[in-house]
Amino acid sequence: MPKKVDHRERRTRIADALVRVAAEQGLEAVSLRHVAAEAGVSAGMVQHYFRTKDEMMAFAMAVVRERGQARVAAAVAGLGEDPPPRLLLRTLIGALLPLDEGTRDDGRVALAFLAHLAVRPAAAPGLREETAQLTEFIAGLLPSRDAAAAAGLLALMEGLGVYLLGGQYTGEQALGALDAHLDLLFDRAA
C-alpha cells in the first residue's frame, strides 16, 4: 500500500526551515541547499514543492502571516465581546510586534521579505491589496475614520518592529510609543 503524503505538512516543514535560516543567518543565506539541510530533506524535495526562491519566500511569508493572524485572533478573543476600538487596536498591533523570541524570528523573516520586495515587487502580488484591507479595517476603528491616520499607525507598527528587531527599543519602550500614539489619535477625537 503506497504511503500517504501530507503535501501541506511538507511544504510547511520546508517553509519553517526557511524561516529559521532567514531568521538566524539572513535572507542572503536562503538557498535551496541550506533550506533542505535545515528541513532534513533532500534538495530535490524542496525543488519539487518550490520551483524558485520567490515561491519558497512567498510560501514562508504566508506561514509567518498565518502565525501572526493566529496570535491576533487569540489576543483579540481574550478581550471578550465588543472591546473598545482603542483596546482592540492596541491588542492587534501588540500581537504583531516582535516582542519575544518566537515573534522576533517571524519579524526578521517579514522584514527580510519586505526588503526582498523592494527590489522584486512582483514576488508578492497580493500584498498591496492586503495592506489596503488592513488600512481600511484600522481606519474603521479610529474615531476620525481617517485612512491616512490608519496608514500612519501601520507605519508606526513597522518602525517599532524594526527598532525591536535591531535592539534599539525594548518591548516596554515600543508599547509605550504605541500607547502614546494611540492616545493622540483617540484623545484628539474626544
N, C-alpha and C. Protein backbone atom coordinates (compact mmCIF):
# COMPACT_ATOMS: atom_id res chain seq x y z
N MET A 1 0.85 -1.17 0.00
CA MET A 1 0.00 0.00 0.00
C MET A 1 0.90 1.25 0.00
N PRO A 2 0.66 2.18 -0.93
CA PRO A 2 1.50 3.37 -1.01
C PRO A 2 1.35 4.26 0.23
N LYS A 3 2.46 4.87 0.58
CA LYS A 3 2.48 5.77 1.73
C LYS A 3 1.73 7.05 1.40
N LYS A 4 0.88 7.49 2.31
CA LYS A 4 0.12 8.71 2.10
C LYS A 4 0.99 9.90 2.52
N VAL A 5 1.11 10.89 1.64
CA VAL A 5 1.97 12.03 1.89
C VAL A 5 1.11 13.27 2.14
N ASP A 6 1.42 13.96 3.21
CA ASP A 6 0.74 15.22 3.53
C ASP A 6 1.57 16.36 2.91
N HIS A 7 1.15 16.80 1.72
CA HIS A 7 1.92 17.79 0.98
C HIS A 7 1.94 19.14 1.69
N ARG A 8 0.83 19.51 2.31
CA ARG A 8 0.81 20.78 3.05
C ARG A 8 1.81 20.73 4.21
N GLU A 9 1.86 19.59 4.91
CA GLU A 9 2.80 19.47 6.03
C GLU A 9 4.24 19.55 5.53
N ARG A 10 4.53 18.95 4.40
CA ARG A 10 5.89 19.00 3.85
C ARG A 10 6.25 20.43 3.43
N ARG A 11 5.33 21.09 2.77
CA ARG A 11 5.60 22.48 2.35
C ARG A 11 5.81 23.36 3.58
N THR A 12 5.01 23.16 4.61
CA THR A 12 5.13 23.95 5.83
C THR A 12 6.45 23.64 6.53
N ARG A 13 6.86 22.38 6.52
CA ARG A 13 8.14 21.99 7.12
C ARG A 13 9.29 22.71 6.42
N ILE A 14 9.22 22.76 5.11
CA ILE A 14 10.25 23.46 4.33
C ILE A 14 10.19 24.95 4.60
N ALA A 15 8.99 25.52 4.66
CA ALA A 15 8.84 26.94 4.94
C ALA A 15 9.36 27.28 6.34
N ASP A 16 9.08 26.41 7.32
CA ASP A 16 9.59 26.63 8.67
C ASP A 16 11.12 26.62 8.67
N ALA A 17 11.70 25.72 7.88
CA ALA A 17 13.16 25.69 7.77
C ALA A 17 13.68 26.98 7.15
N LEU A 18 12.99 27.45 6.12
CA LEU A 18 13.38 28.72 5.50
C LEU A 18 13.32 29.85 6.52
N VAL A 19 12.26 29.87 7.34
CA VAL A 19 12.12 30.90 8.37
C VAL A 19 13.30 30.84 9.34
N ARG A 20 13.67 29.65 9.76
CA ARG A 20 14.80 29.51 10.69
C ARG A 20 16.10 29.98 10.05
N VAL A 21 16.35 29.59 8.80
CA VAL A 21 17.58 30.00 8.11
C VAL A 21 17.60 31.52 7.97
N ALA A 22 16.50 32.10 7.51
CA ALA A 22 16.45 33.55 7.31
C ALA A 22 16.58 34.30 8.64
N ALA A 23 15.94 33.79 9.69
CA ALA A 23 16.00 34.46 10.99
C ALA A 23 17.39 34.40 11.60
N GLU A 24 18.08 33.27 11.41
CA GLU A 24 19.39 33.08 12.03
C GLU A 24 20.54 33.62 11.20
N GLN A 25 20.40 33.53 9.86
CA GLN A 25 21.55 33.87 9.00
C GLN A 25 21.26 34.96 7.99
N GLY A 26 20.03 35.42 7.91
CA GLY A 26 19.68 36.46 6.95
C GLY A 26 19.17 35.88 5.64
N LEU A 27 18.48 36.71 4.91
CA LEU A 27 17.87 36.28 3.66
C LEU A 27 18.89 35.82 2.63
N GLU A 28 20.07 36.42 2.66
CA GLU A 28 21.10 36.03 1.69
C GLU A 28 21.53 34.58 1.86
N ALA A 29 21.32 34.01 3.04
CA ALA A 29 21.68 32.60 3.29
C ALA A 29 20.61 31.63 2.79
N VAL A 30 19.47 32.15 2.41
CA VAL A 30 18.39 31.28 1.97
C VAL A 30 18.72 30.75 0.58
N SER A 31 18.96 29.46 0.53
CA SER A 31 19.20 28.78 -0.73
C SER A 31 18.52 27.43 -0.65
N LEU A 32 18.36 26.83 -1.78
CA LEU A 32 17.75 25.50 -1.84
C LEU A 32 18.50 24.53 -0.94
N ARG A 33 19.82 24.56 -1.02
CA ARG A 33 20.66 23.63 -0.26
C ARG A 33 20.56 23.89 1.24
N HIS A 34 20.63 25.17 1.66
CA HIS A 34 20.55 25.49 3.09
C HIS A 34 19.19 25.13 3.67
N VAL A 35 18.15 25.44 2.94
CA VAL A 35 16.80 25.15 3.42
C VAL A 35 16.57 23.65 3.50
N ALA A 36 17.02 22.91 2.50
CA ALA A 36 16.87 21.45 2.52
C ALA A 36 17.61 20.86 3.72
N ALA A 37 18.82 21.31 3.97
CA ALA A 37 19.59 20.80 5.11
C ALA A 37 18.88 21.12 6.43
N GLU A 38 18.37 22.32 6.57
CA GLU A 38 17.68 22.71 7.80
C GLU A 38 16.40 21.91 7.99
N ALA A 39 15.71 21.61 6.91
CA ALA A 39 14.45 20.86 6.99
C ALA A 39 14.69 19.35 7.13
N GLY A 40 15.92 18.91 6.86
CA GLY A 40 16.21 17.49 6.93
C GLY A 40 15.63 16.71 5.76
N VAL A 41 15.57 17.37 4.61
CA VAL A 41 15.03 16.73 3.41
C VAL A 41 16.04 16.93 2.28
N SER A 42 15.79 16.29 1.16
CA SER A 42 16.68 16.44 0.01
C SER A 42 16.40 17.75 -0.72
N ALA A 43 17.42 18.22 -1.43
CA ALA A 43 17.25 19.41 -2.26
C ALA A 43 16.19 19.15 -3.33
N GLY A 44 16.13 17.91 -3.81
CA GLY A 44 15.12 17.54 -4.81
C GLY A 44 13.70 17.70 -4.27
N MET A 45 13.51 17.36 -2.98
CA MET A 45 12.17 17.54 -2.41
C MET A 45 11.81 19.02 -2.35
N VAL A 46 12.76 19.86 -1.97
CA VAL A 46 12.49 21.29 -1.92
C VAL A 46 12.12 21.78 -3.31
N GLN A 47 12.87 21.34 -4.33
CA GLN A 47 12.57 21.73 -5.70
C GLN A 47 11.22 21.21 -6.17
N HIS A 48 10.82 20.06 -5.67
CA HIS A 48 9.52 19.50 -6.04
C HIS A 48 8.39 20.44 -5.60
N TYR A 49 8.53 21.03 -4.43
CA TYR A 49 7.48 21.89 -3.89
C TYR A 49 7.62 23.35 -4.27
N PHE A 50 8.84 23.80 -4.52
CA PHE A 50 9.08 25.21 -4.84
C PHE A 50 10.06 25.30 -6.00
N ARG A 51 9.57 25.79 -7.13
CA ARG A 51 10.42 25.87 -8.31
C ARG A 51 11.46 26.98 -8.20
N THR A 52 11.10 28.07 -7.48
CA THR A 52 12.00 29.22 -7.40
C THR A 52 12.13 29.69 -5.95
N LYS A 53 13.15 30.48 -5.72
CA LYS A 53 13.34 31.07 -4.39
C LYS A 53 12.15 31.98 -4.07
N ASP A 54 11.65 32.71 -5.06
CA ASP A 54 10.49 33.59 -4.83
C ASP A 54 9.28 32.79 -4.34
N GLU A 55 9.04 31.60 -4.95
CA GLU A 55 7.92 30.77 -4.50
C GLU A 55 8.13 30.32 -3.05
N MET A 56 9.35 29.94 -2.74
CA MET A 56 9.66 29.50 -1.39
C MET A 56 9.48 30.65 -0.41
N MET A 57 9.95 31.83 -0.78
CA MET A 57 9.83 33.02 0.08
C MET A 57 8.36 33.39 0.29
N ALA A 58 7.58 33.36 -0.78
CA ALA A 58 6.16 33.73 -0.67
C ALA A 58 5.42 32.76 0.24
N PHE A 59 5.72 31.47 0.13
CA PHE A 59 5.05 30.50 0.99
C PHE A 59 5.48 30.69 2.44
N ALA A 60 6.77 30.91 2.67
CA ALA A 60 7.25 31.15 4.04
C ALA A 60 6.59 32.39 4.63
N MET A 61 6.44 33.42 3.82
CA MET A 61 5.79 34.64 4.32
C MET A 61 4.33 34.36 4.63
N ALA A 62 3.68 33.51 3.84
CA ALA A 62 2.30 33.14 4.14
C ALA A 62 2.22 32.40 5.47
N VAL A 63 3.19 31.54 5.76
CA VAL A 63 3.23 30.84 7.04
C VAL A 63 3.40 31.84 8.18
N VAL A 64 4.32 32.80 8.01
CA VAL A 64 4.53 33.84 9.03
C VAL A 64 3.24 34.65 9.23
N ARG A 65 2.58 34.99 8.13
CA ARG A 65 1.33 35.75 8.20
C ARG A 65 0.25 34.96 8.94
N GLU A 66 0.14 33.66 8.65
CA GLU A 66 -0.84 32.82 9.36
C GLU A 66 -0.57 32.78 10.86
N ARG A 67 0.71 32.69 11.22
CA ARG A 67 1.06 32.70 12.65
C ARG A 67 0.65 34.03 13.29
N GLY A 68 0.91 35.11 12.58
CA GLY A 68 0.52 36.43 13.09
C GLY A 68 -0.99 36.53 13.25
N GLN A 69 -1.72 36.04 12.26
CA GLN A 69 -3.18 36.07 12.36
C GLN A 69 -3.67 35.23 13.52
N ALA A 70 -3.03 34.10 13.76
CA ALA A 70 -3.42 33.25 14.90
C ALA A 70 -3.14 33.96 16.22
N ARG A 71 -1.99 34.66 16.32
CA ARG A 71 -1.68 35.42 17.54
C ARG A 71 -2.70 36.52 17.75
N VAL A 72 -3.05 37.23 16.68
CA VAL A 72 -4.03 38.31 16.78
C VAL A 72 -5.38 37.74 17.21
N ALA A 73 -5.81 36.66 16.57
CA ALA A 73 -7.11 36.07 16.91
C ALA A 73 -7.15 35.65 18.37
N ALA A 74 -6.08 35.02 18.86
CA ALA A 74 -6.05 34.59 20.26
C ALA A 74 -6.07 35.79 21.20
N ALA A 75 -5.30 36.81 20.88
CA ALA A 75 -5.25 38.01 21.74
C ALA A 75 -6.58 38.74 21.75
N VAL A 76 -7.19 38.87 20.59
CA VAL A 76 -8.48 39.57 20.50
C VAL A 76 -9.58 38.76 21.17
N ALA A 77 -9.54 37.44 21.06
CA ALA A 77 -10.54 36.60 21.72
C ALA A 77 -10.50 36.81 23.23
N GLY A 78 -9.33 37.10 23.76
CA GLY A 78 -9.20 37.34 25.19
C GLY A 78 -9.82 38.64 25.65
N LEU A 79 -10.21 39.49 24.73
CA LEU A 79 -10.81 40.77 25.09
C LEU A 79 -12.31 40.67 25.36
N GLY A 80 -12.91 39.57 24.98
CA GLY A 80 -14.35 39.43 25.16
C GLY A 80 -15.10 40.06 23.99
N GLU A 81 -16.40 40.16 24.17
CA GLU A 81 -17.26 40.70 23.11
C GLU A 81 -17.21 42.22 23.06
N ASP A 82 -17.14 42.76 21.86
CA ASP A 82 -17.25 44.19 21.60
C ASP A 82 -16.26 45.03 22.42
N PRO A 83 -14.95 44.79 22.27
CA PRO A 83 -13.97 45.59 23.01
C PRO A 83 -13.92 47.02 22.47
N PRO A 84 -13.51 47.97 23.29
CA PRO A 84 -13.37 49.35 22.80
C PRO A 84 -12.35 49.40 21.65
N PRO A 85 -12.57 50.26 20.66
CA PRO A 85 -11.68 50.30 19.50
C PRO A 85 -10.20 50.54 19.85
N ARG A 86 -9.91 51.41 20.82
CA ARG A 86 -8.52 51.68 21.18
C ARG A 86 -7.86 50.41 21.72
N LEU A 87 -8.55 49.71 22.60
CA LEU A 87 -8.03 48.47 23.16
C LEU A 87 -7.85 47.41 22.08
N LEU A 88 -8.79 47.34 21.16
CA LEU A 88 -8.70 46.38 20.06
C LEU A 88 -7.46 46.67 19.20
N LEU A 89 -7.25 47.95 18.88
CA LEU A 89 -6.08 48.32 18.08
C LEU A 89 -4.78 48.01 18.81
N ARG A 90 -4.73 48.35 20.08
CA ARG A 90 -3.52 48.12 20.86
C ARG A 90 -3.22 46.61 20.95
N THR A 91 -4.26 45.83 21.12
CA THR A 91 -4.10 44.38 21.21
C THR A 91 -3.66 43.80 19.87
N LEU A 92 -4.28 44.24 18.80
CA LEU A 92 -3.94 43.77 17.46
C LEU A 92 -2.49 44.09 17.14
N ILE A 93 -2.08 45.33 17.32
CA ILE A 93 -0.72 45.74 16.99
C ILE A 93 0.28 45.08 17.94
N GLY A 94 -0.07 45.02 19.21
CA GLY A 94 0.81 44.36 20.17
C GLY A 94 1.06 42.90 19.82
N ALA A 95 0.05 42.23 19.29
CA ALA A 95 0.20 40.82 18.91
C ALA A 95 1.09 40.66 17.68
N LEU A 96 1.20 41.71 16.87
CA LEU A 96 2.01 41.64 15.66
C LEU A 96 3.45 42.09 15.87
N LEU A 97 3.71 42.82 16.94
CA LEU A 97 5.06 43.29 17.20
C LEU A 97 5.97 42.14 17.64
N PRO A 98 7.24 42.17 17.25
CA PRO A 98 8.18 41.11 17.65
C PRO A 98 8.68 41.33 19.08
N LEU A 99 7.86 40.95 20.05
CA LEU A 99 8.15 41.24 21.45
C LEU A 99 8.83 40.08 22.19
N ASP A 100 8.88 38.88 21.60
CA ASP A 100 9.54 37.75 22.24
C ASP A 100 10.32 36.98 21.18
N GLU A 101 11.06 35.98 21.61
CA GLU A 101 11.95 35.27 20.68
C GLU A 101 11.19 34.64 19.51
N GLY A 102 10.06 34.03 19.76
CA GLY A 102 9.29 33.41 18.68
C GLY A 102 8.80 34.43 17.66
N THR A 103 8.29 35.53 18.14
CA THR A 103 7.78 36.55 17.21
C THR A 103 8.93 37.31 16.55
N ARG A 104 10.10 37.35 17.20
CA ARG A 104 11.26 38.01 16.58
C ARG A 104 11.71 37.24 15.34
N ASP A 105 11.69 35.91 15.40
CA ASP A 105 12.05 35.13 14.21
C ASP A 105 11.10 35.46 13.06
N ASP A 106 9.82 35.46 13.35
CA ASP A 106 8.84 35.82 12.31
C ASP A 106 9.06 37.25 11.83
N GLY A 107 9.36 38.15 12.75
CA GLY A 107 9.61 39.54 12.39
C GLY A 107 10.82 39.70 11.50
N ARG A 108 11.89 38.95 11.79
CA ARG A 108 13.09 39.01 10.95
C ARG A 108 12.78 38.55 9.53
N VAL A 109 11.99 37.50 9.43
CA VAL A 109 11.64 36.99 8.11
C VAL A 109 10.75 37.99 7.37
N ALA A 110 9.78 38.57 8.07
CA ALA A 110 8.90 39.55 7.43
C ALA A 110 9.71 40.75 6.95
N LEU A 111 10.64 41.22 7.78
CA LEU A 111 11.48 42.35 7.39
C LEU A 111 12.35 42.00 6.19
N ALA A 112 12.93 40.81 6.19
CA ALA A 112 13.74 40.37 5.06
C ALA A 112 12.88 40.25 3.80
N PHE A 113 11.66 39.76 3.98
CA PHE A 113 10.76 39.62 2.83
C PHE A 113 10.40 40.99 2.26
N LEU A 114 10.12 41.95 3.14
CA LEU A 114 9.80 43.30 2.66
C LEU A 114 11.00 43.93 1.94
N ALA A 115 12.20 43.69 2.45
CA ALA A 115 13.40 44.19 1.77
C ALA A 115 13.53 43.51 0.40
N HIS A 116 13.23 42.23 0.34
CA HIS A 116 13.26 41.48 -0.92
C HIS A 116 12.26 42.09 -1.92
N LEU A 117 11.09 42.46 -1.40
CA LEU A 117 10.06 43.04 -2.28
C LEU A 117 10.43 44.43 -2.78
N ALA A 118 11.31 45.10 -2.06
CA ALA A 118 11.74 46.43 -2.51
C ALA A 118 12.43 46.35 -3.87
N VAL A 119 13.07 45.24 -4.15
CA VAL A 119 13.74 45.07 -5.44
C VAL A 119 13.02 44.10 -6.36
N ARG A 120 12.04 43.35 -5.80
CA ARG A 120 11.26 42.39 -6.61
C ARG A 120 9.78 42.49 -6.25
N PRO A 121 9.13 43.61 -6.55
CA PRO A 121 7.74 43.80 -6.13
C PRO A 121 6.78 42.75 -6.69
N ALA A 122 7.12 42.13 -7.78
CA ALA A 122 6.23 41.12 -8.37
C ALA A 122 6.21 39.83 -7.55
N ALA A 123 7.10 39.70 -6.55
CA ALA A 123 7.17 38.47 -5.77
C ALA A 123 5.97 38.29 -4.84
N ALA A 124 5.22 39.34 -4.59
CA ALA A 124 4.03 39.24 -3.72
C ALA A 124 2.92 40.13 -4.27
N PRO A 125 2.24 39.64 -5.30
CA PRO A 125 1.23 40.48 -5.96
C PRO A 125 0.05 40.85 -5.07
N GLY A 126 -0.30 40.04 -4.08
CA GLY A 126 -1.46 40.32 -3.25
C GLY A 126 -1.17 41.21 -2.06
N LEU A 127 0.09 41.56 -1.83
CA LEU A 127 0.44 42.33 -0.63
C LEU A 127 -0.19 43.71 -0.62
N ARG A 128 -0.26 44.35 -1.76
CA ARG A 128 -0.85 45.70 -1.84
C ARG A 128 -2.33 45.66 -1.41
N GLU A 129 -3.06 44.66 -1.88
CA GLU A 129 -4.48 44.53 -1.53
C GLU A 129 -4.64 44.21 -0.04
N GLU A 130 -3.79 43.32 0.49
CA GLU A 130 -3.86 43.01 1.93
C GLU A 130 -3.59 44.24 2.77
N THR A 131 -2.62 45.04 2.36
CA THR A 131 -2.29 46.26 3.09
C THR A 131 -3.45 47.24 3.02
N ALA A 132 -4.08 47.36 1.88
CA ALA A 132 -5.23 48.25 1.74
C ALA A 132 -6.38 47.80 2.63
N GLN A 133 -6.62 46.49 2.70
CA GLN A 133 -7.69 45.97 3.56
C GLN A 133 -7.40 46.22 5.03
N LEU A 134 -6.15 46.02 5.44
CA LEU A 134 -5.79 46.27 6.83
C LEU A 134 -5.90 47.75 7.17
N THR A 135 -5.47 48.60 6.26
CA THR A 135 -5.59 50.04 6.47
C THR A 135 -7.06 50.44 6.62
N GLU A 136 -7.91 49.89 5.79
CA GLU A 136 -9.35 50.19 5.85
C GLU A 136 -9.95 49.71 7.18
N PHE A 137 -9.55 48.52 7.62
CA PHE A 137 -10.04 47.99 8.89
C PHE A 137 -9.62 48.89 10.04
N ILE A 138 -8.35 49.26 10.07
CA ILE A 138 -7.86 50.13 11.14
C ILE A 138 -8.53 51.49 11.09
N ALA A 139 -8.71 52.04 9.91
CA ALA A 139 -9.38 53.34 9.78
C ALA A 139 -10.79 53.27 10.36
N GLY A 140 -11.46 52.14 10.17
CA GLY A 140 -12.80 51.97 10.70
C GLY A 140 -12.85 51.97 12.23
N LEU A 141 -11.73 51.67 12.86
CA LEU A 141 -11.67 51.66 14.32
C LEU A 141 -11.29 53.02 14.90
N LEU A 142 -10.69 53.87 14.07
CA LEU A 142 -10.26 55.18 14.55
C LEU A 142 -11.45 56.14 14.64
N PRO A 143 -11.43 57.01 15.64
CA PRO A 143 -12.54 57.98 15.75
C PRO A 143 -12.68 58.85 14.51
N SER A 144 -11.56 59.19 13.87
CA SER A 144 -11.58 60.06 12.69
C SER A 144 -11.97 59.32 11.42
N ARG A 145 -11.89 57.99 11.45
CA ARG A 145 -12.12 57.14 10.26
C ARG A 145 -11.16 57.51 9.12
N ASP A 146 -10.03 58.08 9.46
CA ASP A 146 -9.07 58.63 8.50
C ASP A 146 -8.10 57.55 8.02
N ALA A 147 -8.09 57.30 6.70
CA ALA A 147 -7.20 56.29 6.14
C ALA A 147 -5.74 56.70 6.28
N ALA A 148 -5.44 57.99 6.19
CA ALA A 148 -4.06 58.45 6.35
C ALA A 148 -3.57 58.18 7.78
N ALA A 149 -4.43 58.41 8.76
CA ALA A 149 -4.05 58.13 10.15
C ALA A 149 -3.85 56.62 10.35
N ALA A 150 -4.67 55.81 9.69
CA ALA A 150 -4.51 54.36 9.77
C ALA A 150 -3.19 53.94 9.13
N ALA A 151 -2.85 54.53 7.99
CA ALA A 151 -1.57 54.22 7.33
C ALA A 151 -0.41 54.63 8.23
N GLY A 152 -0.56 55.76 8.91
CA GLY A 152 0.48 56.19 9.85
C GLY A 152 0.65 55.21 11.00
N LEU A 153 -0.45 54.68 11.48
CA LEU A 153 -0.40 53.70 12.57
C LEU A 153 0.29 52.41 12.11
N LEU A 154 0.02 51.99 10.88
CA LEU A 154 0.71 50.82 10.34
C LEU A 154 2.20 51.11 10.17
N ALA A 155 2.53 52.31 9.71
CA ALA A 155 3.94 52.68 9.57
C ALA A 155 4.63 52.71 10.93
N LEU A 156 3.94 53.20 11.94
CA LEU A 156 4.49 53.18 13.30
C LEU A 156 4.75 51.74 13.73
N MET A 157 3.80 50.86 13.48
CA MET A 157 3.97 49.45 13.85
C MET A 157 5.20 48.86 13.17
N GLU A 158 5.36 49.11 11.88
CA GLU A 158 6.52 48.58 11.16
C GLU A 158 7.81 49.16 11.71
N GLY A 159 7.83 50.47 11.98
CA GLY A 159 9.02 51.11 12.53
C GLY A 159 9.37 50.57 13.91
N LEU A 160 8.36 50.39 14.74
CA LEU A 160 8.60 49.82 16.07
C LEU A 160 9.16 48.41 15.94
N GLY A 161 8.63 47.66 14.98
CA GLY A 161 9.14 46.31 14.75
C GLY A 161 10.61 46.32 14.38
N VAL A 162 11.00 47.25 13.52
CA VAL A 162 12.41 47.36 13.11
C VAL A 162 13.27 47.71 14.32
N TYR A 163 12.82 48.66 15.13
CA TYR A 163 13.58 49.05 16.32
C TYR A 163 13.67 47.92 17.34
N LEU A 164 12.62 47.15 17.48
CA LEU A 164 12.67 45.99 18.38
C LEU A 164 13.65 44.95 17.87
N LEU A 165 13.60 44.67 16.58
CA LEU A 165 14.50 43.67 16.00
C LEU A 165 15.96 44.12 16.07
N GLY A 166 16.18 45.41 15.93
CA GLY A 166 17.54 45.94 15.97
C GLY A 166 18.07 46.17 17.37
N GLY A 167 17.19 46.01 18.35
CA GLY A 167 17.62 46.18 19.73
C GLY A 167 17.64 47.63 20.22
N GLN A 168 17.16 48.58 19.39
CA GLN A 168 17.13 49.96 19.82
C GLN A 168 16.04 50.21 20.87
N TYR A 169 14.96 49.44 20.80
CA TYR A 169 13.84 49.59 21.75
C TYR A 169 13.63 48.27 22.47
N THR A 170 13.23 48.39 23.72
CA THR A 170 12.75 47.23 24.47
C THR A 170 11.26 47.09 24.15
N GLY A 171 10.69 45.97 24.55
CA GLY A 171 9.24 45.80 24.38
C GLY A 171 8.47 46.87 25.11
N GLU A 172 8.92 47.21 26.29
CA GLU A 172 8.25 48.25 27.09
C GLU A 172 8.29 49.60 26.39
N GLN A 173 9.43 49.95 25.81
CA GLN A 173 9.54 51.22 25.09
C GLN A 173 8.64 51.23 23.86
N ALA A 174 8.62 50.13 23.13
CA ALA A 174 7.79 50.06 21.92
C ALA A 174 6.31 50.18 22.27
N LEU A 175 5.88 49.46 23.29
CA LEU A 175 4.47 49.55 23.68
C LEU A 175 4.15 50.93 24.24
N GLY A 176 5.10 51.56 24.91
CA GLY A 176 4.90 52.93 25.40
C GLY A 176 4.71 53.91 24.24
N ALA A 177 5.52 53.75 23.18
CA ALA A 177 5.38 54.60 22.00
C ALA A 177 4.04 54.35 21.31
N LEU A 178 3.64 53.10 21.23
CA LEU A 178 2.34 52.76 20.65
C LEU A 178 1.21 53.40 21.45
N ASP A 179 1.27 53.28 22.78
CA ASP A 179 0.24 53.87 23.63
C ASP A 179 0.18 55.39 23.47
N ALA A 180 1.35 56.03 23.40
CA ALA A 180 1.37 57.49 23.23
C ALA A 180 0.72 57.89 21.91
N HIS A 181 0.98 57.13 20.86
CA HIS A 181 0.38 57.45 19.56
C HIS A 181 -1.14 57.20 19.57
N LEU A 182 -1.53 56.09 20.17
CA LEU A 182 -2.97 55.82 20.27
C LEU A 182 -3.66 56.90 21.10
N ASP A 183 -3.01 57.37 22.16
CA ASP A 183 -3.57 58.47 22.96
C ASP A 183 -3.81 59.70 22.09
N LEU A 184 -2.84 60.01 21.23
CA LEU A 184 -3.01 61.16 20.33
C LEU A 184 -4.20 60.96 19.41
N LEU A 185 -4.31 59.78 18.81
CA LEU A 185 -5.39 59.52 17.86
C LEU A 185 -6.76 59.52 18.54
N PHE A 186 -6.83 58.98 19.75
CA PHE A 186 -8.13 58.87 20.40
C PHE A 186 -8.47 60.10 21.24
N ASP A 187 -7.48 60.76 21.83
CA ASP A 187 -7.76 61.97 22.61
C ASP A 187 -8.13 63.14 21.71
N ARG A 188 -7.55 63.16 20.51
CA ARG A 188 -7.86 64.23 19.56
C ARG A 188 -9.33 64.23 19.20
N ALA A 189 -9.91 63.05 19.15
CA ALA A 189 -11.33 62.92 18.78
C ALA A 189 -12.25 63.23 19.94
N ALA A 190 -11.75 63.15 21.16
CA ALA A 190 -12.61 63.32 22.34
C ALA A 190 -12.99 64.76 22.60
